Amino acid sequence: MALVFGACSTNPSTAKRYSVQGEIKAVDPAAKTATIKAGKIGDWMDAMTMEYPVKPDADIAKLHIGDTIRGTVVVNDLKYYVTDVTVVPKP
């Protein structure tokens, strides 16, 4: 499992943003995280299932196991989180 973090600094204004699509496999509202089975995320990460912090709290509150989502991964140095989450309606 190779993670490519690039040369991001710790300055929030230099954080990189990537589109993400995936399926919710687990939600932990107390920890404010979701386990997402996601496809390739730009040049940052290959397809894999992993736990992501989710911000803001309103985004974590709308997630359920089995949901398909779209959102944005914000990467700042070694820290990352998912935001702007939209649950894709089931056909």
Protein backbone atom coordinates (compact mmCIF):
# COMPACT_ATOMS: atom_id res chain seq x y z
CA MET A 1 0.00 0.00 0.00
CA ALA A 2 1.81 3.05 -1.23
CA LEU A 3 0.84 6.49 -0.05
CA VAL A 4 2.03 9.44 -2.02
CA PHE A 5 1.89 12.63 -0.03
CA GLY A 6 3.87 14.93 -2.30
CA ALA A 7 5.47 18.12 -1.09
CA CYS A 8 2.52 19.66 0.77
CA SER A 9 3.44 22.04 3.54
CA THR A 10 1.60 22.31 6.83
CA ASN A 11 0.10 25.65 5.77
CA PRO A 12 -3.67 25.17 5.29
CA SER A 13 -3.63 27.44 2.24
CA THR A 14 -1.41 24.93 0.43
CA ALA A 15 -3.63 21.92 1.14
CA LYS A 16 -4.47 19.83 -1.92
CA ARG A 17 -8.07 18.90 -2.70
CA TYR A 18 -9.13 15.77 -4.56
CA SER A 19 -12.52 14.42 -5.65
CA VAL A 20 -13.47 11.13 -4.02
CA GLN A 21 -16.21 8.62 -4.77
CA GLY A 22 -16.86 5.51 -2.77
CA GLU A 23 -19.03 3.33 -0.58
CA ILE A 24 -19.44 3.76 3.17
CA LYS A 25 -18.34 0.57 4.95
CA ALA A 26 -18.48 1.86 8.56
CA VAL A 27 -19.34 5.07 10.43
CA ASP A 28 -18.05 6.10 13.87
CA PRO A 29 -19.92 9.28 14.89
CA ALA A 30 -18.03 9.52 18.20
CA ALA A 31 -14.65 9.55 16.44
CA LYS A 32 -16.11 11.55 13.51
CA THR A 33 -14.73 9.04 10.99
CA ALA A 34 -16.05 6.92 8.16
CA THR A 35 -14.49 3.89 6.51
CA ILE A 36 -14.78 4.43 2.77
CA LYS A 37 -14.09 1.99 -0.05
CA ALA A 38 -12.90 4.56 -2.57
CA GLY A 39 -11.56 4.52 -6.09
CA LYS A 40 -8.25 6.11 -7.03
CA ILE A 41 -7.92 9.59 -5.53
CA GLY A 42 -6.03 11.78 -7.99
CA ASP A 43 -2.26 11.42 -7.68
CA TRP A 44 -2.56 10.99 -3.89
CA MET A 45 -3.77 7.42 -3.38
CA ASP A 46 -4.68 4.26 -5.25
CA ALA A 47 -8.10 2.64 -4.78
CA MET A 48 -8.47 1.19 -1.27
CA THR A 49 -10.70 0.98 1.79
CA MET A 50 -9.60 3.13 4.72
CA GLU A 51 -10.85 5.28 7.57
CA TYR A 52 -11.16 9.03 6.97
CA PRO A 53 -11.94 11.85 9.38
CA VAL A 54 -15.10 13.62 8.15
CA LYS A 55 -15.73 17.37 8.54
CA PRO A 56 -18.01 19.11 9.38
CA ASP A 57 -20.11 17.18 11.90
CA ALA A 58 -23.19 17.64 9.68
CA ASP A 59 -21.50 15.53 6.97
CA ILE A 60 -20.81 12.57 9.29
CA ALA A 61 -24.40 12.71 10.57
CA LYS A 62 -25.86 11.97 7.13
CA LEU A 63 -23.74 8.86 6.41
CA HIS A 64 -24.94 5.26 6.69
CA ILE A 65 -23.31 1.92 5.89
CA GLY A 66 -23.92 1.07 2.23
CA ASP A 67 -24.27 4.70 1.06
CA THR A 68 -22.47 5.70 -2.11
CA ILE A 69 -20.89 9.12 -1.66
CA ARG A 70 -19.08 11.87 -3.49
CA GLY A 71 -16.91 14.38 -1.71
CA THR A 72 -13.57 16.09 -1.42
CA VAL A 73 -10.45 14.81 0.31
CA VAL A 74 -8.34 17.64 1.71
CA VAL A 75 -4.67 16.67 2.13
CA ASN A 76 -2.27 18.84 4.10
CA ASP A 77 1.10 17.18 4.61
CA LEU A 78 0.33 13.89 6.44
CA LYS A 79 -3.11 15.02 7.64
CA TYR A 80 -6.25 14.48 5.59
CA TYR A 81 -10.04 14.54 5.89
CA VAL A 82 -13.18 14.21 3.76
CA THR A 83 -15.57 17.15 3.37
CA ASP A 84 -18.35 18.38 1.05
CA VAL A 85 -19.97 14.92 1.27
CA THR A 86 -23.01 14.17 -0.87
CA VAL A 87 -24.89 10.88 -0.63
CA VAL A 88 -25.68 9.66 -4.14
CA PRO A 89 -29.37 8.69 -4.46
CA LYS A 90 -29.96 4.98 -5.06
CA PRO A 91 -31.45 4.23 -8.49
